[in-house]
Amino acid sequence: MGQTGHFLVLLALVGAAWSAVCYWLSVREKDLTSSLEWRRLARWGFLTHAASIAGMVLVLFFMIFGHHFEYQYVWQHSSRDLPMKYILSCFWEGQEGSFLLWSFWVMVLGLVLMRRSGEWEGRTMSILSLQQVFLLSFLTGVYVFGKKIGSSPFLLLEDALTQDPVFLFSDYMQFIQDGTGLNALLQNYWMVIHPPTLFLGFALTIVPFAFCMAGLWEKKYTEWVKPALPWTLLGGAILGLGILMGGYWAYETLNFGGYWNWDPVENAVYVPWLVLIAAIHTMIVYKNNQTALKTSIILVVSAFILILYSTFLTRSGILGDSSVHSFTDLGLSGQLLVYLLFFTVAAVALAVARWKEIPSSEKEVSTYSREFWIFLGATTLCLMGFQVIIPTSIPVYNSIVGLFGGSSNLAPP
């Protein structure tokens, strides 16, 4: 099973990369016949990618429900005495499972975009497929030039704990009859529904970002707003629902001191949601009044980049001493930083290159108009996000100072 899982990870990665390249070539190709051929190849690549991810999900579920404790992920996150609903939750308790869940949702959205995005398919799908390449790289667990890339959920326990003397016995599984189980704090019905909802919200932010980047890419500066707005609304609603679930769960079970205790991980998700809601406001203003287009571009891009930043904060281990539910560092911090910087630099570079060409309205907006107050509300949301993200990022600032040999005693309030 583990070998099958490893193979499917690599096949999904290759399928996503193939799809991204072929979609890009289909957009660049001027000849219609050649463009359609590249698109056909891109679709087959993405369908292969989708089937591989579905296979990975099935294999991991089979390993967990079958109590195959010879695999590190199963042994580390599940046990025989767990009720069925909590065994289901074991899938996304760890880093690897949650990355797979995120990738699964993006794959589902990609299948929808393939059928529904029309003329935008080539551009949006190339961007979405590229994100899948990055997400799946976190699941490879292979060594490249002596550097480990990703962490596989299909790793055998004997390969993960090589120094343990129990593995000197050929029949070592007789000593491993059960796993360590799900964290007691996570044995709650919210663990069954909160992470899938939250990661669907995470995944949805790529769609308006892809439409926005596609619009800048093809110089369709205004046309991208209409197809992107419904996805932005859905993303804001789902991400908000996930945050509400997490806040209530924290109040009900984890005893964090109230609905919101300004935990850095909670903040890291809250800020992109605020920016996404602000983007919805400005996109509606543009749709009705042809103003705030540049602001909409900034906010849509920022919402997605902030999701990547929150992922870096949560999963790099940088918040290990300041958050009760950040992940431990599995050596992914470098990869996460590359993931964040790649999309940030690419998006900013494209926006800067096109900025002077983006139309802007000279129309005066009355302070008594609906558009003015919507824009003011969006500005307030962004200021709220800015006020939260600065103290949340203090551990990052301290780490940067430490890299240069300095020391910082700043602490989140």
Protein backbone atom coordinates (compact mmCIF):
# COMPACT_ATOMS: atom_id res chain seq x y z
CA MET A 1 0.00 0.00 0.00
CA GLY A 2 2.74 2.42 0.90
CA GLN A 3 4.47 1.91 -2.45
CA THR A 4 1.16 2.49 -4.20
CA GLY A 5 0.68 5.68 -2.23
CA HIS A 6 4.19 6.91 -3.07
CA PHE A 7 3.62 6.16 -6.75
CA LEU A 8 0.31 8.05 -6.74
CA VAL A 9 1.95 11.09 -5.12
CA LEU A 10 4.57 11.23 -7.86
CA LEU A 11 2.00 10.57 -10.59
CA ALA A 12 -0.23 13.36 -9.26
CA LEU A 13 2.76 15.71 -9.14
CA VAL A 14 3.77 14.89 -12.72
CA GLY A 15 0.15 15.19 -13.88
CA ALA A 16 -0.19 18.65 -12.31
CA ALA A 17 3.11 19.84 -13.79
CA TRP A 18 2.18 18.45 -17.22
CA SER A 19 -1.23 20.12 -17.02
CA ALA A 20 0.26 23.49 -16.02
CA VAL A 21 2.75 23.45 -18.91
CA CYS A 22 0.24 22.25 -21.52
CA TYR A 23 -2.38 24.80 -20.47
CA TRP A 24 0.26 27.53 -20.68
CA LEU A 25 1.24 26.37 -24.18
CA SER A 26 -2.41 26.25 -25.23
CA VAL A 27 -2.74 29.93 -24.34
CA ARG A 28 0.49 30.93 -26.10
CA GLU A 29 -0.24 28.96 -29.27
CA LYS A 30 -1.72 31.17 -32.00
CA ASP A 31 -2.83 28.33 -34.25
CA LEU A 32 -6.30 27.20 -33.15
CA THR A 33 -5.75 23.53 -33.96
CA SER A 34 -2.48 23.40 -32.02
CA SER A 35 -4.04 25.31 -29.12
CA LEU A 36 -6.92 22.84 -28.88
CA GLU A 37 -4.47 19.93 -29.00
CA TRP A 38 -2.43 21.37 -26.13
CA ARG A 39 -5.66 21.92 -24.19
CA ARG A 40 -6.68 18.31 -24.76
CA LEU A 41 -3.30 17.12 -23.44
CA ALA A 42 -3.62 19.48 -20.46
CA ARG A 43 -7.04 18.09 -19.59
CA TRP A 44 -5.76 14.51 -19.73
CA GLY A 45 -2.87 15.54 -17.50
CA PHE A 46 -5.22 17.09 -14.96
CA LEU A 47 -7.59 14.12 -15.06
CA THR A 48 -4.61 11.84 -14.37
CA HIS A 49 -3.67 14.17 -11.53
CA ALA A 50 -7.23 14.08 -10.16
CA ALA A 51 -7.45 10.29 -10.31
CA SER A 52 -4.09 10.02 -8.53
CA ILE A 53 -5.20 12.30 -5.70
CA ALA A 54 -8.44 10.34 -5.33
CA GLY A 55 -6.32 7.18 -5.15
CA MET A 56 -4.05 8.72 -2.51
CA VAL A 57 -7.07 9.61 -0.39
CA LEU A 58 -8.47 6.07 -0.68
CA VAL A 59 -5.12 4.46 0.16
CA LEU A 60 -4.62 6.63 3.24
CA PHE A 61 -8.18 6.00 4.44
CA PHE A 62 -7.68 2.26 3.91
CA MET A 63 -4.46 2.35 5.93
CA ILE A 64 -6.11 4.26 8.79
CA PHE A 65 -9.35 2.26 8.94
CA GLY A 66 -7.42 -1.00 8.55
CA HIS A 67 -5.14 -0.11 11.50
CA HIS A 68 -1.96 -0.58 9.49
CA PHE A 69 0.36 0.61 12.23
CA GLU A 70 3.45 -0.33 10.24
CA TYR A 71 3.05 3.11 8.65
CA GLN A 72 4.22 6.11 10.63
CA TYR A 73 1.23 8.34 9.88
CA VAL A 74 -1.28 5.69 10.96
CA TRP A 75 0.68 4.78 14.10
CA GLN A 76 1.19 8.43 15.06
CA HIS A 77 -2.40 9.64 14.64
CA SER A 78 -4.78 6.71 15.22
CA SER A 79 -5.50 3.81 17.55
CA ARG A 80 -7.86 0.85 17.77
CA ASP A 81 -10.07 2.26 20.53
CA LEU A 82 -11.12 5.37 18.61
CA PRO A 83 -14.77 5.65 17.51
CA MET A 84 -15.32 5.63 13.76
CA LYS A 85 -15.88 9.40 13.50
CA TYR A 86 -12.54 10.11 15.19
CA ILE A 87 -10.74 7.56 13.03
CA LEU A 88 -12.03 9.62 10.10
CA SER A 89 -10.51 12.73 11.72
CA CYS A 90 -7.11 11.04 11.90
CA PHE A 91 -6.82 11.60 8.15
CA TRP A 92 -6.30 15.35 8.55
CA GLU A 93 -4.79 15.57 12.03
CA GLY A 94 -1.20 15.57 10.78
CA GLN A 95 0.71 17.84 8.41
CA GLU A 96 0.69 15.36 5.56
CA GLY A 97 -3.01 14.53 5.77
CA SER A 98 -4.05 18.17 5.92
CA PHE A 99 -1.90 19.02 2.89
CA LEU A 100 -3.56 16.11 1.06
CA LEU A 101 -6.99 17.41 2.10
CA TRP A 102 -6.12 20.90 0.79
CA SER A 103 -4.84 19.42 -2.46
CA PHE A 104 -7.99 17.30 -2.78
CA TRP A 105 -10.24 20.36 -2.56
CA VAL A 106 -8.14 22.27 -5.10
CA MET A 107 -8.40 19.26 -7.41
CA VAL A 108 -12.20 19.25 -7.09
CA LEU A 109 -12.32 22.98 -7.87
CA GLY A 110 -10.05 22.37 -10.85
CA LEU A 111 -12.48 19.81 -12.27
CA VAL A 112 -15.28 22.35 -11.92
CA LEU A 113 -13.20 25.07 -13.61
CA MET A 114 -12.38 22.73 -16.50
CA ARG A 115 -16.09 22.50 -17.28
CA ARG A 116 -17.30 25.95 -16.29
CA SER A 117 -14.60 28.56 -16.95
CA GLY A 118 -14.98 28.67 -20.75
CA GLU A 119 -12.45 30.96 -22.41
CA TRP A 120 -10.65 31.39 -19.08
CA GLU A 121 -9.84 27.69 -18.77
CA GLY A 122 -6.29 27.75 -20.12
CA ARG A 123 -5.09 30.64 -17.99
CA THR A 124 -6.85 29.80 -14.73
CA MET A 125 -6.10 26.09 -14.88
CA SER A 126 -2.40 26.67 -15.54
CA ILE A 127 -2.21 28.74 -12.34
CA LEU A 128 -4.30 26.27 -10.33
CA SER A 129 -2.23 23.33 -11.59
CA LEU A 130 0.95 25.16 -10.64
CA GLN A 131 -0.33 25.54 -7.08
CA GLN A 132 -1.01 21.80 -7.03
CA VAL A 133 2.64 21.16 -7.93
CA PHE A 134 3.69 23.08 -4.82
CA LEU A 135 1.10 21.41 -2.57
CA LEU A 136 2.03 17.91 -3.73
CA SER A 137 5.73 18.61 -3.29
CA PHE A 138 5.01 18.67 0.46
CA LEU A 139 3.92 15.01 0.23
CA THR A 140 6.77 13.51 -1.80
CA GLY A 141 9.26 12.69 0.96
CA VAL A 142 12.08 12.20 -1.56
CA TYR A 143 15.69 13.33 -1.39
CA VAL A 144 17.08 15.65 -4.07
CA PHE A 145 20.82 16.39 -3.84
CA GLY A 146 20.76 15.24 -0.22
CA LYS A 147 17.86 17.55 0.69
CA LYS A 148 14.56 16.02 1.73
CA ILE A 149 11.59 17.41 -0.17
CA GLY A 150 8.28 17.03 1.63
CA SER A 151 7.07 14.44 4.11
CA SER A 152 5.15 11.39 2.90
CA PRO A 153 2.08 10.01 4.72
CA PHE A 154 3.01 6.60 3.27
CA LEU A 155 6.33 6.26 5.09
CA LEU A 156 6.95 2.99 6.93
CA LEU A 157 7.49 3.28 10.67
CA GLU A 158 10.81 1.43 10.45
CA ASP A 159 12.07 4.03 7.95
CA ALA A 160 10.95 6.91 10.16
CA LEU A 161 12.29 5.60 13.50
CA THR A 162 15.46 3.94 12.29
CA GLN A 163 17.25 4.15 15.65
CA ASP A 164 14.59 2.31 17.65
CA PRO A 165 15.94 -1.13 18.68
CA VAL A 166 12.56 -2.79 18.13
CA PHE A 167 13.25 -2.72 14.40
CA LEU A 168 16.20 -5.07 14.87
CA PHE A 169 13.60 -7.86 14.97
CA SER A 170 12.27 -9.05 11.62
CA ASP A 171 8.82 -9.56 13.17
CA TYR A 172 8.80 -6.19 14.95
CA MET A 173 5.06 -5.71 14.34
CA GLN A 174 4.31 -8.14 17.18
CA PHE A 175 5.48 -5.36 19.51
CA ILE A 176 3.38 -2.67 17.81
CA GLN A 177 -0.23 -3.66 18.34
CA ASP A 178 -1.70 -0.17 18.59
CA GLY A 179 -1.05 3.44 17.65
CA THR A 180 -0.56 6.51 19.80
CA GLY A 181 -4.08 7.72 19.01
CA LEU A 182 -5.73 11.03 18.29
CA ASN A 183 -4.81 13.93 20.57
CA ALA A 184 -7.38 13.97 23.40
CA LEU A 185 -8.16 17.66 22.79
CA LEU A 186 -9.07 16.81 19.20
CA GLN A 187 -11.52 14.02 20.03
CA ASN A 188 -14.52 16.21 19.36
CA TYR A 189 -17.19 16.27 16.67
CA TRP A 190 -15.86 19.64 15.49
CA MET A 191 -12.67 17.85 14.41
CA VAL A 192 -14.78 15.91 11.91
CA ILE A 193 -16.25 18.97 10.16
CA HIS A 194 -14.05 21.99 10.99
CA PRO A 195 -10.82 21.10 9.08
CA PRO A 196 -12.56 20.02 5.83
CA THR A 197 -14.59 23.23 5.86
CA LEU A 198 -11.57 25.40 6.60
CA PHE A 199 -9.42 23.78 3.92
CA LEU A 200 -12.20 24.16 1.36
CA GLY A 201 -12.10 27.87 2.22
CA PHE A 202 -8.32 27.82 1.77
CA ALA A 203 -8.68 26.10 -1.60
CA LEU A 204 -11.34 28.52 -2.85
CA THR A 205 -9.00 31.52 -2.59
CA ILE A 206 -6.94 30.22 -5.53
CA VAL A 207 -9.89 30.66 -7.93
CA PRO A 208 -10.37 34.47 -7.76
CA PHE A 209 -6.57 34.80 -7.61
CA ALA A 210 -6.28 32.72 -10.80
CA PHE A 211 -8.93 34.81 -12.58
CA CYS A 212 -7.20 38.01 -11.48
CA MET A 213 -3.77 36.83 -12.64
CA ALA A 214 -5.29 35.57 -15.90
CA GLY A 215 -6.85 38.99 -16.48
CA LEU A 216 -3.52 40.73 -15.95
CA TRP A 217 -1.71 38.09 -18.01
CA GLU A 218 -3.96 38.53 -21.06
CA LYS A 219 -4.58 42.26 -20.47
CA LYS A 220 -8.26 41.62 -19.81
CA TYR A 221 -8.16 44.04 -16.93
CA THR A 222 -11.88 44.39 -16.36
CA GLU A 223 -13.37 41.14 -17.66
CA TRP A 224 -11.99 38.92 -14.87
CA VAL A 225 -14.17 40.48 -12.16
CA LYS A 226 -17.47 38.99 -13.35
CA PRO A 227 -16.40 35.30 -13.33
CA ALA A 228 -14.29 35.76 -10.18
CA LEU A 229 -16.96 37.41 -8.00
CA PRO A 230 -19.16 34.31 -7.36
CA TRP A 231 -16.06 32.31 -6.38
CA THR A 232 -14.94 35.12 -4.07
CA LEU A 233 -18.36 35.18 -2.41
CA LEU A 234 -18.29 31.40 -1.95
CA GLY A 235 -14.74 31.50 -0.61
CA GLY A 236 -15.61 34.24 1.89
CA ALA A 237 -18.67 32.32 3.08
CA ILE A 238 -16.92 28.94 3.46
CA LEU A 239 -13.79 30.39 5.07
CA GLY A 240 -15.95 32.44 7.44
CA LEU A 241 -17.96 29.35 8.36
CA GLY A 242 -14.74 27.46 9.08
CA ILE A 243 -13.50 30.27 11.31
CA LEU A 244 -16.82 30.34 13.19
CA MET A 245 -16.60 26.59 13.74
CA GLY A 246 -13.05 26.90 15.05
CA GLY A 247 -13.96 29.79 17.32
CA TYR A 248 -16.92 27.96 18.85
CA TRP A 249 -14.88 24.77 19.22
CA ALA A 250 -12.19 26.73 21.07
CA TYR A 251 -14.83 28.11 23.42
CA GLU A 252 -16.65 24.82 23.92
CA THR A 253 -13.82 22.32 24.37
CA LEU A 254 -10.30 23.67 24.29
CA ASN A 255 -10.88 26.31 26.95
CA PHE A 256 -8.76 29.00 25.28
CA GLY A 257 -10.44 31.66 27.37
CA GLY A 258 -13.36 32.58 25.14
CA TYR A 259 -14.53 32.50 21.54
CA TRP A 260 -11.31 34.15 20.43
CA ASN A 261 -8.13 34.29 22.44
CA TRP A 262 -6.00 35.95 19.74
CA ASP A 263 -4.00 32.79 19.23
CA PRO A 264 -1.54 33.37 16.34
CA VAL A 265 -2.88 30.47 14.28
CA GLU A 266 -6.45 31.70 14.67
CA ASN A 267 -5.30 35.18 13.64
CA ALA A 268 -3.41 33.83 10.64
CA VAL A 269 -6.69 32.55 9.15
CA TYR A 270 -8.80 35.48 10.35
CA VAL A 271 -6.75 38.13 8.52
CA PRO A 272 -7.07 36.68 4.97
CA TRP A 273 -10.79 36.27 5.57
CA LEU A 274 -11.09 39.97 6.45
CA VAL A 275 -9.20 40.89 3.29
CA LEU A 276 -11.33 38.51 1.21
CA ILE A 277 -14.53 40.10 2.52
CA ALA A 278 -13.06 43.52 1.71
CA ALA A 279 -12.34 42.26 -1.82
CA ILE A 280 -15.97 41.20 -2.21
CA HIS A 281 -17.04 44.74 -1.30
CA THR A 282 -14.71 46.45 -3.78
CA MET A 283 -15.55 43.99 -6.57
CA ILE A 284 -19.25 44.76 -6.08
CA VAL A 285 -18.42 48.48 -6.20
CA TYR A 286 -16.55 47.96 -9.47
CA LYS A 287 -19.34 45.87 -10.96
CA ASN A 288 -21.92 48.57 -10.19
CA ASN A 289 -19.89 51.75 -10.60
CA GLN A 290 -16.67 50.91 -12.53
CA THR A 291 -14.49 52.16 -9.67
CA ALA A 292 -12.06 50.44 -7.26
CA LEU A 293 -10.68 48.03 -9.89
CA LYS A 294 -7.07 48.42 -8.77
CA THR A 295 -8.12 48.05 -5.15
CA SER A 296 -9.95 44.82 -6.04
CA ILE A 297 -6.80 43.45 -7.69
CA ILE A 298 -4.70 44.26 -4.63
CA LEU A 299 -7.20 42.68 -2.24
CA VAL A 300 -7.81 39.49 -4.24
CA VAL A 301 -4.06 38.91 -4.57
CA SER A 302 -3.47 39.78 -0.90
CA ALA A 303 -6.15 37.35 0.32
CA PHE A 304 -4.48 34.42 -1.44
CA ILE A 305 -0.95 35.45 -0.42
CA LEU A 306 -2.10 35.81 3.19
CA ILE A 307 -3.46 32.25 3.06
CA LEU A 308 0.02 31.11 2.03
CA TYR A 309 1.55 33.26 4.77
CA SER A 310 -0.80 31.75 7.36
CA THR A 311 0.27 28.30 6.13
CA PHE A 312 3.90 29.27 6.62
CA LEU A 313 3.19 30.56 10.14
CA THR A 314 1.22 27.47 11.12
CA ARG A 315 3.37 24.74 9.60
CA SER A 316 6.94 25.99 9.69
CA GLY A 317 7.22 25.49 13.45
CA ILE A 318 7.92 29.20 13.91
CA LEU A 319 4.91 29.55 16.24
CA GLY A 320 5.80 26.49 18.30
CA ASP A 321 6.25 28.50 21.50
CA SER A 322 3.40 30.95 20.97
CA SER A 323 0.45 28.92 19.69
CA VAL A 324 -1.38 25.95 21.14
CA HIS A 325 -2.18 24.44 17.76
CA SER A 326 0.67 25.16 15.40
CA PHE A 327 2.35 22.16 13.78
CA THR A 328 5.84 21.03 14.65
CA ASP A 329 8.53 21.64 12.05
CA LEU A 330 8.93 18.60 9.78
CA GLY A 331 11.69 20.29 7.81
CA LEU A 332 9.18 21.98 5.52
CA SER A 333 9.92 25.58 6.51
CA GLY A 334 12.21 26.14 3.52
CA GLN A 335 9.67 24.71 1.10
CA LEU A 336 6.87 26.75 2.64
CA LEU A 337 8.94 29.91 2.28
CA VAL A 338 9.64 29.13 -1.40
CA TYR A 339 5.90 28.47 -1.93
CA LEU A 340 5.03 31.83 -0.37
CA LEU A 341 7.75 33.83 -2.13
CA PHE A 342 7.12 32.31 -5.57
CA PHE A 343 3.47 33.34 -5.74
CA THR A 344 4.11 36.68 -4.01
CA VAL A 345 6.92 37.71 -6.35
CA ALA A 346 5.11 36.43 -9.46
CA ALA A 347 1.86 38.21 -8.59
CA VAL A 348 3.54 41.49 -7.61
CA ALA A 349 5.77 41.45 -10.70
CA LEU A 350 2.82 40.89 -13.04
CA ALA A 351 0.72 43.57 -11.32
CA VAL A 352 3.55 46.11 -11.44
CA ALA A 353 4.23 45.37 -15.12
CA ARG A 354 0.57 45.97 -16.01
CA TRP A 355 -0.28 48.65 -13.45
CA LYS A 356 -0.18 51.71 -15.74
CA GLU A 357 -2.39 49.96 -18.28
CA ILE A 358 -5.13 49.09 -15.79
CA PRO A 359 -8.06 51.49 -16.33
CA SER A 360 -9.04 53.73 -13.45
CA SER A 361 -12.18 55.80 -13.13
CA GLU A 362 -12.00 59.57 -12.90
CA LYS A 363 -15.55 59.65 -11.57
CA GLU A 364 -16.05 61.44 -8.24
CA VAL A 365 -17.80 59.26 -5.69
CA SER A 366 -20.17 61.16 -3.44
CA THR A 367 -19.81 60.69 0.30
CA TYR A 368 -23.56 60.07 0.35
CA SER A 369 -23.38 57.24 -2.18
CA ARG A 370 -23.65 53.56 -1.37
CA GLU A 371 -20.33 52.90 -3.11
CA PHE A 372 -18.47 55.31 -0.83
CA TRP A 373 -19.68 53.59 2.31
CA ILE A 374 -18.98 50.13 0.90
CA PHE A 375 -15.45 51.24 0.09
CA LEU A 376 -15.12 52.71 3.59
CA GLY A 377 -16.24 49.38 5.05
CA ALA A 378 -13.63 47.55 2.97
CA THR A 379 -10.96 49.97 4.19
CA THR A 380 -12.00 49.34 7.79
CA LEU A 381 -11.73 45.57 7.29
CA CYS A 382 -8.23 45.95 5.87
CA LEU A 383 -7.17 48.14 8.79
CA MET A 384 -8.52 45.51 11.19
CA GLY A 385 -6.47 42.87 9.40
CA PHE A 386 -3.34 45.04 9.46
CA GLN A 387 -3.75 45.64 13.19
CA VAL A 388 -3.96 41.87 13.81
CA ILE A 389 -1.23 40.64 11.44
CA ILE A 390 1.53 42.88 12.82
CA PRO A 391 1.63 41.43 16.38
CA THR A 392 0.88 37.95 14.99
CA SER A 393 4.06 38.19 12.90
CA ILE A 394 6.32 39.03 15.84
CA PRO A 395 7.75 35.45 15.98
CA VAL A 396 8.73 35.85 12.31
CA TYR A 397 10.45 39.15 13.08
CA ASN A 398 12.30 37.55 16.00
CA SER A 399 13.44 34.68 13.77
CA ILE A 400 14.73 37.08 11.09
CA VAL A 401 16.69 39.02 13.70
CA GLY A 402 18.10 35.73 15.00
CA LEU A 403 19.26 34.72 11.50
CA PHE A 404 21.51 37.79 11.43
CA GLY A 405 22.99 37.06 14.84
CA GLY A 406 20.83 39.48 16.80
CA SER A 407 18.28 38.92 19.52
CA SER A 408 14.79 40.26 20.00
CA ASN A 409 12.65 40.17 23.11
CA LEU A 410 9.44 41.20 21.40
CA ALA A 411 6.46 39.09 22.34
CA PRO A 412 2.90 39.05 21.03
CA PRO A 413 0.55 41.08 23.27
